[in-house]
């Protein structure tokens, strides 16, 4: 998915605010990391830079090629 740049600027601003809120929260480090990674991936997806499951799919294809 590709989002129009006029919207993406505001989305990135809001993401930065959200990430600051996560840093200020009392979340445990692993929980905070999950919130951060997932929100960043969502913004990457709306910008056409991310496909859910692409890392897992890539690892599986590599394993299939090497016969593991």
Foldseek 3Di string as FASTA:
>chain_A
DADDPVVLVVLVVVLVVVLVVLVPDPDDPVVSVVVNVVSVQVSCVHRVNHDPPPVVVVVVVVCVVVVD
